[in-house]
């Protein structure tokens, strides 16, 4: 038998590599589009912290129907909203939640963030203590209130809705800015007359005897005459990442819309997930209020009606001086 020469071995090695490459290509192209886009890489999603409305997404996604997650290697990364924004811009996160005004400001600074799926409707509330004499935000002129930082969509949209009612949060009230936990402490000590809070904190305060004198979304409806819900923020990513991964973006959009729609179909889920939202079992009154008060918070539609609301929010934010100018391109991707 003739011994194989080094040339023969080289030819065989090249042939083996070519065959393996061809088989790999066939295997990849045989995968469904959604799986091919996600296979072999992790998808990093933000995990809103306990005490936030978005904290229920992780458990709902983890138990979602398998076909919604085909090929997705989902990894959750937690952090406060400010950290998540930085992580998204740096590429450590693939998906996080952004509001329209925040996305427009990021675009103006050269960071092209785009909203591609529904997330949360505005659920900000003006809360006063149960024995307070205040009955509306207008009565708080000249008083001290607490709110989340100026850079948050929560404050920006509260400021916008207030402006539509003739209230300038920059000049008519004294606003103390801080994270929700700090604001809650100020409120409970009596250092502020009111707090602009988000769910589920608002529900917890109401269950303890505080009063809700206004909802930001209701103030928006009353001022604009538009009965569609004020959109707070949606699942967002870098525009370049969305362009490179269109099938993956579409799959993630469907996944988030599905879990939010599940909440609308069965609001009692929110009571069942009270611990994920940071509400201990001992707060039974608050837990009982969750399905009624929070179900509408979770947006699941992504259509022309939602886009019209986003465009209107940006237009009015410019007119109110909250946003310097309209973004050069759309801050959302149609479904």
Protein backbone atom coordinates (compact mmCIF):
# COMPACT_ATOMS: atom_id res chain seq x y z
CA UNK A 1 0.00 0.00 0.00
CA UNK A 2 1.24 3.48 -0.94
CA UNK A 3 1.91 5.70 2.02
CA UNK A 4 0.09 9.03 1.99
CA UNK A 5 2.26 11.97 1.12
CA UNK A 6 2.07 15.34 2.87
CA UNK A 7 0.39 16.72 -0.27
CA UNK A 8 -2.29 14.01 -0.11
CA UNK A 9 -2.97 14.79 3.55
CA UNK A 10 -3.24 18.52 2.77
CA UNK A 11 -5.76 17.83 0.00
CA UNK A 12 -7.83 15.62 2.32
CA UNK A 13 -7.74 18.25 5.06
CA UNK A 14 -8.94 20.97 2.67
CA UNK A 15 -11.70 18.66 1.38
CA UNK A 16 -12.83 17.87 4.96
CA UNK A 17 -12.98 21.55 5.85
CA UNK A 18 -14.97 22.36 2.71
CA UNK A 19 -17.46 19.58 3.43
CA UNK A 20 -17.86 20.67 7.04
CA UNK A 21 -18.37 24.30 5.98
CA UNK A 22 -21.00 23.28 3.48
CA UNK A 23 -22.83 21.16 6.06
CA UNK A 24 -22.73 24.04 8.54
CA UNK A 25 -24.17 26.39 5.92
CA UNK A 26 -26.98 23.97 5.11
CA UNK A 27 -27.77 23.53 8.80
CA UNK A 28 -27.88 27.28 9.40
CA UNK A 29 -30.09 28.03 6.42
CA UNK A 30 -32.44 25.23 7.42
CA UNK A 31 -33.22 26.97 10.73
CA UNK A 32 -36.35 29.10 11.00
CA UNK A 33 -35.60 32.81 10.60
CA UNK A 34 -36.11 33.66 14.28
CA UNK A 35 -33.84 30.84 15.46
CA UNK A 36 -31.11 31.59 12.94
CA UNK A 37 -31.01 35.19 14.13
CA UNK A 38 -30.59 34.24 17.78
CA UNK A 39 -28.77 30.88 17.77
CA UNK A 40 -25.29 30.87 19.20
CA UNK A 41 -25.51 34.20 21.00
CA UNK A 42 -27.14 35.53 24.13
CA UNK A 43 -29.74 38.27 24.03
CA UNK A 44 -29.30 40.63 26.96
CA UNK A 45 -32.55 42.12 28.24
CA UNK A 46 -32.91 44.66 31.03
CA UNK A 47 -34.57 43.47 34.21
CA UNK A 48 -36.34 46.37 35.95
CA UNK A 49 -35.79 46.22 39.68
CA UNK A 50 -38.19 45.20 42.41
CA UNK A 51 -40.62 47.97 43.17
CA UNK A 52 -41.18 48.77 39.50
CA UNK A 53 -44.03 47.83 37.18
CA UNK A 54 -41.61 46.23 34.73
CA UNK A 55 -40.33 43.76 37.33
CA UNK A 56 -43.05 41.29 36.29
CA UNK A 57 -41.64 40.87 32.78
CA UNK A 58 -38.91 38.40 33.70
CA UNK A 59 -41.17 35.78 35.36
CA UNK A 60 -43.75 36.18 32.60
CA UNK A 61 -41.14 35.81 29.86
CA UNK A 62 -39.60 32.80 31.58
CA UNK A 63 -42.93 30.97 31.55
CA UNK A 64 -44.11 32.23 28.16
CA UNK A 65 -45.07 29.77 25.43
CA UNK A 66 -41.97 27.99 24.01
CA UNK A 67 -42.72 29.06 20.43
CA UNK A 68 -42.36 32.71 21.45
CA UNK A 69 -38.80 32.05 22.62
CA UNK A 70 -37.55 29.65 19.93
CA UNK A 71 -33.80 30.03 19.59
CA UNK A 72 -33.54 32.82 22.13
CA UNK A 73 -30.81 32.52 24.75
CA UNK A 74 -32.22 35.20 27.05
CA UNK A 75 -30.07 36.68 29.78
CA UNK A 76 -31.42 39.36 32.12
CA UNK A 77 -29.27 42.18 33.48
CA UNK A 78 -30.56 44.30 36.34
CA UNK A 79 -29.85 47.85 37.38
CA UNK A 80 -31.52 51.17 38.03
CA UNK A 81 -32.94 53.10 35.02
CA UNK A 82 -29.84 55.29 34.73
CA UNK A 83 -27.51 52.31 34.71
CA UNK A 84 -29.64 50.49 32.15
CA UNK A 85 -29.52 53.45 29.79
CA UNK A 86 -25.72 53.52 29.99
CA UNK A 87 -25.55 49.73 29.52
CA UNK A 88 -27.75 49.94 26.43
CA UNK A 89 -25.67 52.69 24.86
CA UNK A 90 -22.46 50.78 25.66
CA UNK A 91 -23.78 47.55 24.15
CA UNK A 92 -23.84 45.57 27.40
CA UNK A 93 -27.63 45.44 27.04
CA UNK A 94 -29.43 44.69 23.80
CA UNK A 95 -32.86 45.80 24.99
CA UNK A 96 -34.01 48.25 27.66
CA UNK A 97 -37.00 50.53 28.12
CA UNK A 98 -36.88 54.11 26.81
CA UNK A 99 -39.49 56.83 26.58
CA UNK A 100 -40.10 58.97 23.48
CA UNK A 101 -38.65 62.17 24.95
CA UNK A 102 -35.60 60.34 26.30
CA UNK A 103 -35.05 58.63 22.94
CA UNK A 104 -35.31 61.98 21.15
CA UNK A 105 -32.76 63.56 23.50
CA UNK A 106 -30.41 60.59 23.04
CA UNK A 107 -30.67 60.96 19.27
CA UNK A 108 -29.81 64.66 19.54
CA UNK A 109 -26.65 63.68 21.45
CA UNK A 110 -25.64 61.19 18.76
CA UNK A 111 -26.96 58.04 20.45
CA UNK A 112 -29.44 56.49 18.04
CA UNK A 113 -31.97 54.72 20.28
CA UNK A 114 -35.17 53.39 18.73
CA UNK A 115 -38.31 52.00 20.37
CA UNK A 116 -39.45 48.79 18.67
CA UNK A 117 -42.13 47.31 20.93
CA UNK A 118 -44.72 48.28 23.53
CA UNK A 119 -43.79 48.54 27.18
CA UNK A 120 -45.67 50.74 29.64
CA UNK A 121 -48.40 53.32 29.43
CA UNK A 122 -48.00 56.34 31.66
CA UNK A 123 -48.85 55.40 35.25
CA UNK A 124 -47.61 58.42 37.13
CA UNK A 125 -49.77 59.69 40.01
CA UNK A 126 -49.88 62.81 42.16
CA UNK A 127 -50.17 61.50 45.72
CA UNK A 128 -50.87 63.47 48.91
CA UNK A 129 -51.33 62.30 52.47
CA UNK A 130 -54.77 61.18 53.55
CA UNK A 131 -55.31 64.20 55.81
CA UNK A 132 -54.08 66.71 53.22
CA UNK A 133 -56.36 69.53 52.13
CA UNK A 134 -55.03 69.50 48.54
CA UNK A 135 -57.45 68.26 45.89
CA UNK A 136 -55.62 69.00 42.62
CA UNK A 137 -52.10 69.68 41.34
CA UNK A 138 -52.98 73.37 40.78
CA UNK A 139 -53.43 73.80 44.53
CA UNK A 140 -49.81 72.78 45.05
CA UNK A 141 -48.41 75.96 43.49
CA UNK A 142 -45.71 77.34 45.76
CA UNK A 143 -45.40 74.04 47.62
CA UNK A 144 -42.70 71.41 47.76
CA UNK A 145 -43.16 68.09 46.01
CA UNK A 146 -40.92 65.12 45.21
CA UNK A 147 -40.32 63.45 41.87
CA UNK A 148 -37.88 61.18 40.13
CA UNK A 149 -34.86 62.91 38.50
CA UNK A 150 -35.28 65.46 35.73
CA UNK A 151 -33.77 63.07 33.19
CA UNK A 152 -36.46 60.40 33.70
CA UNK A 153 -39.41 59.99 31.39
CA UNK A 154 -41.60 59.96 34.52
CA UNK A 155 -40.74 63.56 35.35
CA UNK A 156 -40.64 64.77 31.75
CA UNK A 157 -44.15 63.49 31.01
CA UNK A 158 -45.50 64.74 34.35
CA UNK A 159 -44.06 68.14 33.49
CA UNK A 160 -45.63 67.99 30.03
CA UNK A 161 -49.09 67.05 31.32
CA UNK A 162 -48.87 69.73 34.02
CA UNK A 163 -47.86 72.35 31.42
CA UNK A 164 -50.99 71.53 29.43
CA UNK A 165 -52.96 72.50 32.56
CA UNK A 166 -51.07 75.75 33.07
CA UNK A 167 -48.70 74.42 35.75
CA UNK A 168 -44.96 75.00 35.27
CA UNK A 169 -43.09 72.45 37.37
CA UNK A 170 -39.91 74.48 36.88
CA UNK A 171 -41.32 77.60 38.53
CA UNK A 172 -44.73 77.03 40.12
CA UNK A 173 -43.64 74.35 42.61
CA UNK A 174 -40.43 73.39 44.33
CA UNK A 175 -39.43 69.94 43.13
CA UNK A 176 -37.09 67.73 45.13
CA UNK A 177 -35.55 65.15 42.79
CA UNK A 178 -34.53 61.69 43.89
CA UNK A 179 -35.03 57.95 43.47
CA UNK A 180 -38.41 56.48 44.47
CA UNK A 181 -37.20 55.23 47.85
CA UNK A 182 -35.83 58.64 48.83
CA UNK A 183 -39.01 60.37 47.64
CA UNK A 184 -41.11 57.99 49.66
CA UNK A 185 -39.11 58.79 52.79
CA UNK A 186 -39.53 62.53 52.22
CA UNK A 187 -43.25 62.08 51.73
CA UNK A 188 -43.80 59.92 54.80
CA UNK A 189 -41.77 62.31 56.99
CA UNK A 190 -43.87 65.24 55.80
CA UNK A 191 -40.93 67.02 54.14
CA UNK A 192 -42.94 67.36 50.91
CA UNK A 193 -46.65 67.97 50.39
CA UNK A 194 -46.97 65.53 47.50
CA UNK A 195 -45.04 63.00 45.47
CA UNK A 196 -45.28 62.17 41.78
CA UNK A 197 -44.89 58.41 41.94
CA UNK A 198 -45.09 55.35 39.74
CA UNK A 199 -46.68 51.98 40.27
CA UNK A 200 -46.67 49.94 42.34
CA UNK A 201 -45.55 52.60 44.86
CA UNK A 202 -48.71 54.65 44.29
CA UNK A 203 -50.92 51.66 45.03
CA UNK A 204 -48.96 50.86 48.18
CA UNK A 205 -49.35 54.44 49.42
CA UNK A 206 -53.08 54.48 48.67
CA UNK A 207 -53.52 51.19 50.51
CA UNK A 208 -51.89 52.86 53.54
CA UNK A 209 -54.33 55.77 53.45
CA UNK A 210 -52.76 58.29 51.06
CA UNK A 211 -54.88 59.94 48.35
CA UNK A 212 -54.39 60.16 44.61
CA UNK A 213 -55.40 63.64 43.44
CA UNK A 214 -54.47 63.19 39.77
CA UNK A 215 -53.07 60.79 37.23
CA UNK A 216 -50.66 62.06 34.62
CA UNK A 217 -52.41 60.06 31.88
CA UNK A 218 -55.78 61.55 32.85
CA UNK A 219 -54.34 65.07 32.82
CA UNK A 220 -53.06 64.35 29.29
CA UNK A 221 -56.46 63.11 28.12
CA UNK A 222 -58.29 66.09 29.61
CA UNK A 223 -55.93 68.62 28.02
CA UNK A 224 -55.61 67.04 24.57
CA UNK A 225 -59.06 65.52 24.17
CA UNK A 226 -57.31 62.36 22.96
CA UNK A 227 -58.74 59.36 24.78
CA UNK A 228 -55.87 57.12 23.71
CA UNK A 229 -53.49 56.26 26.52
CA UNK A 230 -50.38 58.35 27.09
CA UNK A 231 -47.40 56.18 26.14
CA UNK A 232 -44.64 56.18 28.78
CA UNK A 233 -41.99 53.97 27.20
CA UNK A 234 -41.30 50.84 25.20
CA UNK A 235 -38.70 48.18 24.58
CA UNK A 236 -35.79 49.88 22.86
CA UNK A 237 -32.43 49.16 21.31
CA UNK A 238 -29.70 50.80 19.27
CA UNK A 239 -30.86 51.44 15.73
CA UNK A 240 -27.77 49.74 14.33
CA UNK A 241 -28.50 46.59 16.36
CA UNK A 242 -32.09 46.59 15.11
CA UNK A 243 -30.89 46.93 11.52
CA UNK A 244 -28.48 44.01 11.95
CA UNK A 245 -31.05 41.78 13.67
CA UNK A 246 -34.49 42.45 12.11
CA UNK A 247 -35.87 38.94 12.70
CA UNK A 248 -34.69 38.96 16.30
CA UNK A 249 -36.21 42.38 16.94
CA UNK A 250 -39.51 41.22 15.50
CA UNK A 251 -39.47 38.11 17.69
CA UNK A 252 -38.71 40.11 20.85
CA UNK A 253 -41.47 42.59 20.01
CA UNK A 254 -43.95 39.75 19.73
CA UNK A 255 -42.73 38.27 23.02
CA UNK A 256 -43.15 41.49 25.01
CA UNK A 257 -46.53 42.26 23.44
CA UNK A 258 -47.68 38.75 24.31
CA UNK A 259 -46.78 38.91 28.00
CA UNK A 260 -48.39 42.34 28.35
CA UNK A 261 -51.53 41.10 26.61
CA UNK A 262 -51.59 38.19 29.06
CA UNK A 263 -51.82 40.71 31.90
CA UNK A 264 -54.81 42.38 30.25
CA UNK A 265 -56.49 39.02 29.77
CA UNK A 266 -55.89 37.96 33.37
CA UNK A 267 -55.08 40.94 35.63
CA UNK A 268 -54.97 38.69 38.68
CA UNK A 269 -51.47 37.73 37.53
CA UNK A 270 -50.29 41.00 39.07
CA UNK A 271 -51.54 39.99 42.51
CA UNK A 272 -49.80 36.64 42.10
CA UNK A 273 -46.53 38.40 41.24
CA UNK A 274 -46.67 40.85 44.15
CA UNK A 275 -43.39 39.61 45.57
CA UNK A 276 -41.57 40.30 42.28
CA UNK A 277 -42.87 43.88 42.56
CA UNK A 278 -41.46 44.18 46.04
CA UNK A 279 -44.80 44.02 47.88
CA UNK A 280 -44.73 41.65 50.86
CA UNK A 281 -47.64 39.31 51.52
CA UNK A 282 -48.49 41.34 54.64
CA UNK A 283 -49.69 44.25 52.45
CA UNK A 284 -52.92 42.53 51.52
CA UNK A 285 -54.84 45.74 50.74
CA UNK A 286 -52.22 46.81 48.21
CA UNK A 287 -52.10 43.35 46.62
CA UNK A 288 -55.88 43.36 46.17
CA UNK A 289 -55.67 46.72 44.37
CA UNK A 290 -52.96 45.65 41.90
CA UNK A 291 -55.20 43.98 39.25
CA UNK A 292 -57.59 46.92 39.13
CA UNK A 293 -55.03 49.73 39.21
CA UNK A 294 -52.13 48.32 37.18
CA UNK A 295 -53.54 46.22 34.33
CA UNK A 296 -53.88 49.20 31.98
CA UNK A 297 -50.26 50.13 32.64
CA UNK A 298 -48.99 47.33 30.41
CA UNK A 299 -49.11 48.30 26.73
CA UNK A 300 -49.49 45.54 24.18
CA UNK A 301 -50.59 47.36 21.03
CA UNK A 302 -47.99 48.62 18.58
CA UNK A 303 -49.84 50.35 15.78
CA UNK A 304 -50.66 53.66 14.11
CA UNK A 305 -52.68 54.82 17.12
CA UNK A 306 -49.71 54.40 19.46
CA UNK A 307 -47.38 56.08 16.98
CA UNK A 308 -49.74 59.06 16.74
CA UNK A 309 -49.63 59.47 20.53
CA UNK A 310 -45.82 59.31 20.54
CA UNK A 311 -45.60 61.92 17.79
CA UNK A 312 -48.04 64.17 19.67
CA UNK A 313 -46.07 63.82 22.90
CA UNK A 314 -42.87 64.89 21.14
CA UNK A 315 -44.55 67.78 19.35
CA UNK A 316 -46.09 69.11 22.57
CA UNK A 317 -42.83 68.58 24.46
CA UNK A 318 -41.10 70.91 22.00
CA UNK A 319 -43.84 73.53 22.36
CA UNK A 320 -43.58 73.29 26.16
CA UNK A 321 -39.81 73.75 26.07
CA UNK A 322 -39.14 70.30 27.50
CA UNK A 323 -37.50 69.11 24.27
CA UNK A 324 -35.28 71.45 22.27
CA UNK A 325 -36.47 70.25 18.88
CA UNK A 326 -38.15 67.35 17.15
CA UNK A 327 -35.84 64.40 16.41
CA UNK A 328 -34.28 64.21 12.96
CA UNK A 329 -35.78 60.75 12.46
CA UNK A 330 -38.47 58.62 14.02
CA UNK A 331 -37.80 57.33 17.52
CA UNK A 332 -39.89 54.19 16.92
CA UNK A 333 -39.89 51.29 14.48
CA UNK A 334 -43.28 50.28 13.07
CA UNK A 335 -44.09 46.62 13.72
